[in-house]
Amino acid sequence: MDTSNPVLAEVVEKHKNEVLSQIRAEYDARAKKAARAKRVRDNVRANPQRPKGRNRNALCYCGSGKKYKLCHLRQDQQTIRKMRVKA
């Protein structure tokens, strides 16, 4: 591309700066999201326990209509055990 034309060079530079600022904004947003996910993961590993309010005999949170103890209790307990081992 011939950028000897000063008007064309100015337009190209402006477009380049806009694209770079969009890329930086996207990068910053992803970095914030990753940092938040890490904080949540670290908190879960530090406090691996069944969330309060989840009663064994209540309906399961997945919406299957089954009792929690017959649906996801075992799976959640295994997840908690794995987190304790990793922590």
PDB file of N, CA and C in Angstrom:
ATOM      1  N   MET A   1       0.840  -1.157   0.000  1.00  0.00           N
ATOM      2  CA  MET A   1       0.000   0.000   0.000  1.00  0.00           C
ATOM      3  C   MET A   1       0.899   1.239   0.000  1.00  0.00           C
ATOM      4  N   ASP A   2       0.562   2.168  -0.804  1.00  0.00           N
ATOM      5  CA  ASP A   2       1.339   3.399  -0.920  1.00  0.00           C
ATOM      6  C   ASP A   2       0.864   4.376   0.148  1.00  0.00           C
ATOM      7  N   THR A   3       1.738   4.686   1.114  1.00  0.00           N
ATOM      8  CA  THR A   3       1.371   5.620   2.185  1.00  0.00           C
ATOM      9  C   THR A   3       2.088   6.951   2.029  1.00  0.00           C
ATOM     10  N   SER A   4       2.526   7.255   0.802  1.00  0.00           N
ATOM     11  CA  SER A   4       3.180   8.546   0.579  1.00  0.00           C
ATOM     12  C   SER A   4       2.156   9.681   0.612  1.00  0.00           C
ATOM     13  N   ASN A   5       0.915   9.358   0.394  1.00  0.00           N
ATOM     14  CA  ASN A   5      -0.163  10.346   0.484  1.00  0.00           C
ATOM     15  C   ASN A   5      -0.421  10.626   1.961  1.00  0.00           C
ATOM     16  N   PRO A   6      -0.257  11.856   2.442  1.00  0.00           N
ATOM     17  CA  PRO A   6      -0.400  12.140   3.870  1.00  0.00           C
ATOM     18  C   PRO A   6      -1.813  11.891   4.402  1.00  0.00           C
ATOM     19  N   VAL A   7      -2.825  12.132   3.611  1.00  0.00           N
ATOM     20  CA  VAL A   7      -4.202  11.897   4.052  1.00  0.00           C
ATOM     21  C   VAL A   7      -4.433  10.402   4.232  1.00  0.00           C
ATOM     22  N   LEU A   8      -3.965   9.608   3.281  1.00  0.00           N
ATOM     23  CA  LEU A   8      -4.108   8.157   3.359  1.00  0.00           C
ATOM     24  C   LEU A   8      -3.322   7.622   4.553  1.00  0.00           C
ATOM     25  N   ALA A   9      -2.142   8.129   4.755  1.00  0.00           N
ATOM     26  CA  ALA A   9      -1.329   7.686   5.886  1.00  0.00           C
ATOM     27  C   ALA A   9      -2.027   7.997   7.210  1.00  0.00           C
ATOM     28  N   GLU A  10      -2.658   9.154   7.294  1.00  0.00           N
ATOM     29  CA  GLU A  10      -3.371   9.538   8.512  1.00  0.00           C
ATOM     30  C   GLU A  10      -4.555   8.614   8.767  1.00  0.00           C
ATOM     31  N   VAL A  11      -5.298   8.278   7.721  1.00  0.00           N
ATOM     32  CA  VAL A  11      -6.448   7.372   7.855  1.00  0.00           C
ATOM     33  C   VAL A  11      -5.983   5.986   8.286  1.00  0.00           C
ATOM     34  N   VAL A  12      -4.911   5.514   7.669  1.00  0.00           N
ATOM     35  CA  VAL A  12      -4.381   4.192   8.015  1.00  0.00           C
ATOM     36  C   VAL A  12      -3.930   4.179   9.474  1.00  0.00           C
ATOM     37  N   GLU A  13      -3.220   5.204   9.901  1.00  0.00           N
ATOM     38  CA  GLU A  13      -2.734   5.288  11.284  1.00  0.00           C
ATOM     39  C   GLU A  13      -3.910   5.338  12.270  1.00  0.00           C
ATOM     40  N   LYS A  14      -4.943   6.096  11.951  1.00  0.00           N
ATOM     41  CA  LYS A  14      -6.117   6.191  12.822  1.00  0.00           C
ATOM     42  C   LYS A  14      -6.808   4.834  12.945  1.00  0.00           C
ATOM     43  N   HIS A  15      -6.970   4.153  11.821  1.00  0.00           N
ATOM     44  CA  HIS A  15      -7.611   2.830  11.836  1.00  0.00           C
ATOM     45  C   HIS A  15      -6.767   1.838  12.632  1.00  0.00           C
ATOM     46  N   LYS A  16      -5.462   1.904  12.447  1.00  0.00           N
ATOM     47  CA  LYS A  16      -4.562   1.006  13.167  1.00  0.00           C
ATOM     48  C   LYS A  16      -4.683   1.244  14.676  1.00  0.00           C
ATOM     49  N   ASN A  17      -4.738   2.502  15.091  1.00  0.00           N
ATOM     50  CA  ASN A  17      -4.863   2.811  16.516  1.00  0.00           C
ATOM     51  C   ASN A  17      -6.196   2.341  17.087  1.00  0.00           C
ATOM     52  N   GLU A  18      -7.264   2.462  16.312  1.00  0.00           N
ATOM     53  CA  GLU A  18      -8.576   1.985  16.765  1.00  0.00           C
ATOM     54  C   GLU A  18      -8.566   0.472  16.952  1.00  0.00           C
ATOM     55  N   VAL A  19      -7.984  -0.230  16.006  1.00  0.00           N
ATOM     56  CA  VAL A  19      -7.922  -1.690  16.093  1.00  0.00           C
ATOM     57  C   VAL A  19      -7.077  -2.105  17.288  1.00  0.00           C
ATOM     58  N   LEU A  20      -5.943  -1.451  17.497  1.00  0.00           N
ATOM     59  CA  LEU A  20      -5.089  -1.781  18.629  1.00  0.00           C
ATOM     60  C   LEU A  20      -5.794  -1.521  19.960  1.00  0.00           C
ATOM     61  N   SER A  21      -6.557  -0.438  20.042  1.00  0.00           N
ATOM     62  CA  SER A  21      -7.266  -0.160  21.290  1.00  0.00           C
ATOM     63  C   SER A  21      -8.359  -1.201  21.541  1.00  0.00           C
ATOM     64  N   GLN A  22      -9.007  -1.678  20.504  1.00  0.00           N
ATOM     65  CA  GLN A  22     -10.015  -2.739  20.651  1.00  0.00           C
ATOM     66  C   GLN A  22      -9.360  -4.031  21.121  1.00  0.00           C
ATOM     67  N   ILE A  23      -8.187  -4.336  20.564  1.00  0.00           N
ATOM     68  CA  ILE A  23      -7.475  -5.553  20.959  1.00  0.00           C
ATOM     69  C   ILE A  23      -7.043  -5.449  22.422  1.00  0.00           C
ATOM     70  N   ARG A  24      -6.532  -4.292  22.825  1.00  0.00           N
ATOM     71  CA  ARG A  24      -6.125  -4.103  24.230  1.00  0.00           C
ATOM     72  C   ARG A  24      -7.315  -4.246  25.170  1.00  0.00           C
ATOM     73  N   ALA A  25      -8.451  -3.672  24.787  1.00  0.00           N
ATOM     74  CA  ALA A  25      -9.643  -3.765  25.628  1.00  0.00           C
ATOM     75  C   ALA A  25     -10.094  -5.221  25.775  1.00  0.00           C
ATOM     76  N   GLU A  26     -10.067  -5.962  24.681  1.00  0.00           N
ATOM     77  CA  GLU A  26     -10.442  -7.381  24.726  1.00  0.00           C
ATOM     78  C   GLU A  26      -9.468  -8.171  25.600  1.00  0.00           C
ATOM     79  N   TYR A  27      -8.184  -7.880  25.455  1.00  0.00           N
ATOM     80  CA  TYR A  27      -7.170  -8.560  26.254  1.00  0.00           C
ATOM     81  C   TYR A  27      -7.378  -8.268  27.737  1.00  0.00           C
ATOM     82  N   ASP A  28      -7.614  -7.004  28.080  1.00  0.00           N
ATOM     83  CA  ASP A  28      -7.833  -6.633  29.476  1.00  0.00           C
ATOM     84  C   ASP A  28      -9.074  -7.318  30.037  1.00  0.00           C
ATOM     85  N   ALA A  29     -10.138  -7.382  29.252  1.00  0.00           N
ATOM     86  CA  ALA A  29     -11.369  -8.035  29.705  1.00  0.00           C
ATOM     87  C   ALA A  29     -11.128  -9.517  29.963  1.00  0.00           C
ATOM     88  N   ARG A  30     -10.398 -10.159  29.069  1.00  0.00           N
ATOM     89  CA  ARG A  30     -10.105 -11.588  29.265  1.00  0.00           C
ATOM     90  C   ARG A  30      -9.202 -11.811  30.462  1.00  0.00           C
ATOM     91  N   ALA A  31      -8.234 -10.917  30.668  1.00  0.00           N
ATOM     92  CA  ALA A  31      -7.340 -11.040  31.816  1.00  0.00           C
ATOM     93  C   ALA A  31      -8.120 -10.889  33.122  1.00  0.00           C
ATOM     94  N   LYS A  32      -9.039  -9.948  33.184  1.00  0.00           N
ATOM     95  CA  LYS A  32      -9.865  -9.764  34.384  1.00  0.00           C
ATOM     96  C   LYS A  32     -10.726 -10.994  34.643  1.00  0.00           C
ATOM     97  N   LYS A  33     -11.300 -11.543  33.566  1.00  0.00           N
ATOM     98  CA  LYS A  33     -12.143 -12.731  33.699  1.00  0.00           C
ATOM     99  C   LYS A  33     -11.322 -13.914  34.197  1.00  0.00           C
ATOM    100  N   ALA A  34     -10.111 -14.087  33.671  1.00  0.00           N
ATOM    101  CA  ALA A  34      -9.249 -15.188  34.094  1.00  0.00           C
ATOM    102  C   ALA A  34      -8.825 -15.017  35.552  1.00  0.00           C
ATOM    103  N   ALA A  35      -8.522 -13.791  35.959  1.00  0.00           N
ATOM    104  CA  ALA A  35      -8.122 -13.535  37.340  1.00  0.00           C
ATOM    105  C   ALA A  35      -9.276 -13.846  38.295  1.00  0.00           C
ATOM    106  N   ARG A  36     -10.481 -13.461  37.904  1.00  0.00           N
ATOM    107  CA  ARG A  36     -11.649 -13.737  38.750  1.00  0.00           C
ATOM    108  C   ARG A  36     -11.889 -15.239  38.854  1.00  0.00           C
ATOM    109  N   ALA A  37     -11.764 -15.944  37.734  1.00  0.00           N
ATOM    110  CA  ALA A  37     -11.962 -17.398  37.748  1.00  0.00           C
ATOM    111  C   ALA A  37     -10.924 -18.065  38.651  1.00  0.00           C
ATOM    112  N   LYS A  38      -9.692 -17.579  38.622  1.00  0.00           N
ATOM    113  CA  LYS A  38      -8.651 -18.143  39.478  1.00  0.00           C
ATOM    114  C   LYS A  38      -8.974 -17.903  40.946  1.00  0.00           C
ATOM    115  N   ARG A  39      -9.439 -16.690  41.285  1.00  0.00           N
ATOM    116  CA  ARG A  39      -9.812 -16.410  42.674  1.00  0.00           C
ATOM    117  C   ARG A  39     -10.929 -17.332  43.137  1.00  0.00           C
ATOM    118  N   VAL A  40     -11.910 -17.557  42.277  1.00  0.00           N
ATOM    119  CA  VAL A  40     -13.024 -18.446  42.625  1.00  0.00           C
ATOM    120  C   VAL A  40     -12.519 -19.869  42.817  1.00  0.00           C
ATOM    121  N   ARG A  41     -11.671 -20.341  41.892  1.00  0.00           N
ATOM    122  CA  ARG A  41     -11.109 -21.696  42.008  1.00  0.00           C
ATOM    123  C   ARG A  41     -10.313 -21.850  43.294  1.00  0.00           C
ATOM    124  N   ASP A  42      -9.469 -20.864  43.592  1.00  0.00           N
ATOM    125  CA  ASP A  42      -8.661 -20.939  44.804  1.00  0.00           C
ATOM    126  C   ASP A  42      -9.529 -20.941  46.047  1.00  0.00           C
ATOM    127  N   ASN A  43     -10.599 -20.163  46.036  1.00  0.00           N
ATOM    128  CA  ASN A  43     -11.511 -20.120  47.178  1.00  0.00           C
ATOM    129  C   ASN A  43     -12.217 -21.464  47.349  1.00  0.00           C
ATOM    130  N   VAL A  44     -12.626 -22.070  46.258  1.00  0.00           N
ATOM    131  CA  VAL A  44     -13.302 -23.370  46.333  1.00  0.00           C
ATOM    132  C   VAL A  44     -12.337 -24.433  46.838  1.00  0.00           C
ATOM    133  N   ARG A  45     -11.089 -24.379  46.376  1.00  0.00           N
ATOM    134  CA  ARG A  45     -10.105 -25.360  46.846  1.00  0.00           C
ATOM    135  C   ARG A  45      -9.792 -25.167  48.318  1.00  0.00           C
ATOM    136  N   ALA A  46      -9.772 -23.921  48.766  1.00  0.00           N
ATOM    137  CA  ALA A  46      -9.468 -23.655  50.162  1.00  0.00           C
ATOM    138  C   ALA A  46     -10.634 -24.034  51.072  1.00  0.00           C
ATOM    139  N   ASN A  47     -11.852 -23.970  50.563  1.00  0.00           N
ATOM    140  CA  ASN A  47     -13.047 -24.266  51.356  1.00  0.00           C
ATOM    141  C   ASN A  47     -13.913 -25.301  50.658  1.00  0.00           C
ATOM    142  N   PRO A  48     -13.409 -26.518  50.464  1.00  0.00           N
ATOM    143  CA  PRO A  48     -14.210 -27.520  49.745  1.00  0.00           C
ATOM    144  C   PRO A  48     -15.276 -28.121  50.640  1.00  0.00           C
ATOM    145  N   GLN A  49     -16.463 -27.647  50.513  1.00  0.00           N
ATOM    146  CA  GLN A  49     -17.576 -28.172  51.283  1.00  0.00           C
ATOM    147  C   GLN A  49     -18.863 -27.997  50.498  1.00  0.00           C
ATOM    148  N   ARG A  50     -19.843 -28.763  50.873  1.00  0.00           N
ATOM    149  CA  ARG A  50     -21.126 -28.664  50.201  1.00  0.00           C
ATOM    150  C   ARG A  50     -21.716 -27.296  50.498  1.00  0.00           C
ATOM    151  N   PRO A  51     -22.213 -26.610  49.492  1.00  0.00           N
ATOM    152  CA  PRO A  51     -22.779 -25.279  49.723  1.00  0.00           C
ATOM    153  C   PRO A  51     -23.921 -25.327  50.734  1.00  0.00           C
ATOM    154  N   LYS A  52     -24.011 -24.289  51.548  1.00  0.00           N
ATOM    155  CA  LYS A  52     -25.073 -24.235  52.550  1.00  0.00           C
ATOM    156  C   LYS A  52     -26.428 -24.188  51.858  1.00  0.00           C
ATOM    157  N   GLY A  53     -27.400 -24.786  52.487  1.00  0.00           N
ATOM    158  CA  GLY A  53     -28.740 -24.764  51.954  1.00  0.00           C
ATOM    159  C   GLY A  53     -29.039 -25.949  51.034  1.00  0.00           C
ATOM    160  N   ARG A  54     -28.057 -26.791  50.787  1.00  0.00           N
ATOM    161  CA  ARG A  54     -28.294 -27.945  49.937  1.00  0.00           C
ATOM    162  C   ARG A  54     -28.583 -29.140  50.842  1.00  0.00           C
ATOM    163  N   ASN A  55     -29.829 -29.413  51.010  1.00  0.00           N
ATOM    164  CA  ASN A  55     -30.295 -30.492  51.867  1.00  0.00           C
ATOM    165  C   ASN A  55     -30.307 -31.789  51.076  1.00  0.00           C
ATOM    166  N   ARG A  56     -29.885 -32.862  51.688  1.00  0.00           N
ATOM    167  CA  ARG A  56     -29.842 -34.160  51.005  1.00  0.00           C
ATOM    168  C   ARG A  56     -31.218 -34.573  50.485  1.00  0.00           C
ATOM    169  N   ASN A  57     -32.267 -34.239  51.239  1.00  0.00           N
ATOM    170  CA  ASN A  57     -33.608 -34.679  50.865  1.00  0.00           C
ATOM    171  C   ASN A  57     -34.370 -33.667  50.018  1.00  0.00           C
ATOM    172  N   ALA A  58     -33.752 -32.539  49.741  1.00  0.00           N
ATOM    173  CA  ALA A  58     -34.406 -31.531  48.894  1.00  0.00           C
ATOM    174  C   ALA A  58     -34.273 -31.949  47.431  1.00  0.00           C
ATOM    175  N   LEU A  59     -35.042 -31.293  46.577  1.00  0.00           N
ATOM    176  CA  LEU A  59     -34.922 -31.576  45.147  1.00  0.00           C
ATOM    177  C   LEU A  59     -33.554 -31.153  44.652  1.00  0.00           C
ATOM    178  N   CYS A  60     -33.031 -31.876  43.688  1.00  0.00           N
ATOM    179  CA  CYS A  60     -31.700 -31.606  43.166  1.00  0.00           C
ATOM    180  C   CYS A  60     -31.687 -30.267  42.425  1.00  0.00           C
ATOM    181  N   TYR A  61     -30.537 -29.616  42.473  1.00  0.00           N
ATOM    182  CA  TYR A  61     -30.381 -28.312  41.829  1.00  0.00           C
ATOM    183  C   TYR A  61     -30.386 -28.395  40.309  1.00  0.00           C
ATOM    184  N   CYS A  62     -30.201 -29.583  39.748  1.00  0.00           N
ATOM    185  CA  CYS A  62     -30.129 -29.707  38.293  1.00  0.00           C
ATOM    186  C   CYS A  62     -31.504 -29.652  37.627  1.00  0.00           C
ATOM    187  N   GLY A  63     -32.555 -29.789  38.434  1.00  0.00           N
ATOM    188  CA  GLY A  63     -33.897 -29.705  37.883  1.00  0.00           C
ATOM    189  C   GLY A  63     -34.461 -31.032  37.393  1.00  0.00           C
ATOM    190  N   SER A  64     -33.828 -32.135  37.771  1.00  0.00           N
ATOM    191  CA  SER A  64     -34.297 -33.445  37.309  1.00  0.00           C
ATOM    192  C   SER A  64     -35.574 -33.896  38.009  1.00  0.00           C
ATOM    193  N   GLY A  65     -35.855 -33.310  39.172  1.00  0.00           N
ATOM    194  CA  GLY A  65     -37.025 -33.717  39.935  1.00  0.00           C
ATOM    195  C   GLY A  65     -36.698 -34.793  40.957  1.00  0.00           C
ATOM    196  N   LYS A  66     -35.462 -35.292  40.945  1.00  0.00           N
ATOM    197  CA  LYS A  66     -35.037 -36.306  41.908  1.00  0.00           C
ATOM    198  C   LYS A  66     -34.534 -35.614  43.166  1.00  0.00           C
ATOM    199  N   LYS A  67     -34.444 -36.403  44.241  1.00  0.00           N
ATOM    200  CA  LYS A  67     -33.842 -35.873  45.456  1.00  0.00           C
ATOM    201  C   LYS A  67     -32.340 -35.714  45.207  1.00  0.00           C
ATOM    202  N   TYR A  68     -31.778 -34.721  45.887  1.00  0.00           N
ATOM    203  CA  TYR A  68     -30.349 -34.433  45.728  1.00  0.00           C
ATOM    204  C   TYR A  68     -29.501 -35.654  46.072  1.00  0.00           C
ATOM    205  N   LYS A  69     -29.867 -36.373  47.135  1.00  0.00           N
ATOM    206  CA  LYS A  69     -29.054 -37.510  47.564  1.00  0.00           C
ATOM    207  C   LYS A  69     -29.052 -38.644  46.534  1.00  0.00           C
ATOM    208  N   LEU A  70     -30.072 -38.702  45.678  1.00  0.00           N
ATOM    209  CA  LEU A  70     -30.132 -39.748  44.663  1.00  0.00           C
ATOM    210  C   LEU A  70     -29.626 -39.270  43.303  1.00  0.00           C
ATOM    211  N   CYS A  71     -29.387 -37.987  43.178  1.00  0.00           N
ATOM    212  CA  CYS A  71     -29.026 -37.443  41.877  1.00  0.00           C
ATOM    213  C   CYS A  71     -27.556 -37.021  41.821  1.00  0.00           C
ATOM    214  N   HIS A  72     -27.184 -35.949  42.500  1.00  0.00           N
ATOM    215  CA  HIS A  72     -25.847 -35.375  42.366  1.00  0.00           C
ATOM    216  C   HIS A  72     -24.995 -35.439  43.633  1.00  0.00           C
ATOM    217  N   LEU A  73     -25.494 -35.979  44.712  1.00  0.00           N
ATOM    218  CA  LEU A  73     -24.738 -35.990  45.960  1.00  0.00           C
ATOM    219  C   LEU A  73     -23.400 -36.705  45.798  1.00  0.00           C
ATOM    220  N   ARG A  74     -23.408 -37.905  45.244  1.00  0.00           N
ATOM    221  CA  ARG A  74     -22.156 -38.662  45.084  1.00  0.00           C
ATOM    222  C   ARG A  74     -21.164 -37.921  44.204  1.00  0.00           C
ATOM    223  N   GLN A  75     -21.657 -37.381  43.115  1.00  0.00           N
ATOM    224  CA  GLN A  75     -20.786 -36.654  42.191  1.00  0.00           C
ATOM    225  C   GLN A  75     -20.167 -35.439  42.892  1.00  0.00           C
ATOM    226  N   ASP A  76     -20.957 -34.710  43.650  1.00  0.00           N
ATOM    227  CA  ASP A  76     -20.446 -33.543  44.365  1.00  0.00           C
ATOM    228  C   ASP A  76     -19.444 -33.956  45.435  1.00  0.00           C
ATOM    229  N   GLN A  77     -19.697 -35.062  46.117  1.00  0.00           N
ATOM    230  CA  GLN A  77     -18.763 -35.533  47.136  1.00  0.00           C
ATOM    231  C   GLN A  77     -17.433 -35.922  46.510  1.00  0.00           C
ATOM    232  N   GLN A  78     -17.468 -36.564  45.347  1.00  0.00           N
ATOM    233  CA  GLN A  78     -16.225 -36.927  44.656  1.00  0.00           C
ATOM    234  C   GLN A  78     -15.457 -35.679  44.243  1.00  0.00           C
ATOM    235  N   THR A  79     -16.169 -34.677  43.767  1.00  0.00           N
ATOM    236  CA  THR A  79     -15.523 -33.418  43.384  1.00  0.00           C
ATOM    237  C   THR A  79     -14.855 -32.777  44.588  1.00  0.00           C
ATOM    238  N   ILE A  80     -15.536 -32.788  45.728  1.00  0.00           N
ATOM    239  CA  ILE A  80     -14.978 -32.211  46.951  1.00  0.00           C
ATOM    240  C   ILE A  80     -13.731 -32.972  47.369  1.00  0.00           C
ATOM    241  N   ARG A  81     -13.772 -34.292  47.297  1.00  0.00           N
ATOM    242  CA  ARG A  81     -12.598 -35.100  47.658  1.00  0.00           C
ATOM    243  C   ARG A  81     -11.415 -34.794  46.745  1.00  0.00           C
ATOM    244  N   LYS A  82     -11.682 -34.672  45.434  1.00  0.00           N
ATOM    245  CA  LYS A  82     -10.606 -34.357  44.492  1.00  0.00           C
ATOM    246  C   LYS A  82      -9.987 -32.997  44.801  1.00  0.00           C
ATOM    247  N   MET A  83     -10.847 -32.008  45.145  1.00  0.00           N
ATOM    248  CA  MET A  83     -10.346 -30.681  45.466  1.00  0.00           C
ATOM    249  C   MET A  83      -9.499 -30.700  46.725  1.00  0.00           C
ATOM    250  N   ARG A  84      -9.873 -31.517  47.712  1.00  0.00           N
ATOM    251  CA  ARG A  84      -9.092 -31.611  48.932  1.00  0.00           C
ATOM    252  C   ARG A  84      -7.716 -32.198  48.656  1.00  0.00           C
ATOM    253  N   VAL A  85      -7.660 -33.175  47.761  1.00  0.00           N
ATOM    254  CA  VAL A  85      -6.379 -33.792  47.406  1.00  0.00           C
ATOM    255  C   VAL A  85      -5.482 -32.791  46.684  1.00  0.00           C
ATOM    256  N   LYS A  86      -6.057 -31.988  45.765  1.00  0.00           N
ATOM    257  CA  LYS A  86      -5.286 -31.008  44.998  1.00  0.00           C
ATOM    258  C   LYS A  86      -4.796 -29.872  45.890  1.00  0.00           C
ATOM    259  N   ALA A  87      -5.592 -29.510  46.888  1.00  0.00           N
ATOM    260  CA  ALA A  87      -5.242 -28.334  47.710  1.00  0.00           C
ATOM    261  C   ALA A  87      -4.147 -28.633  48.661  1.00  0.00           C
TER     262      ALA A  87
END
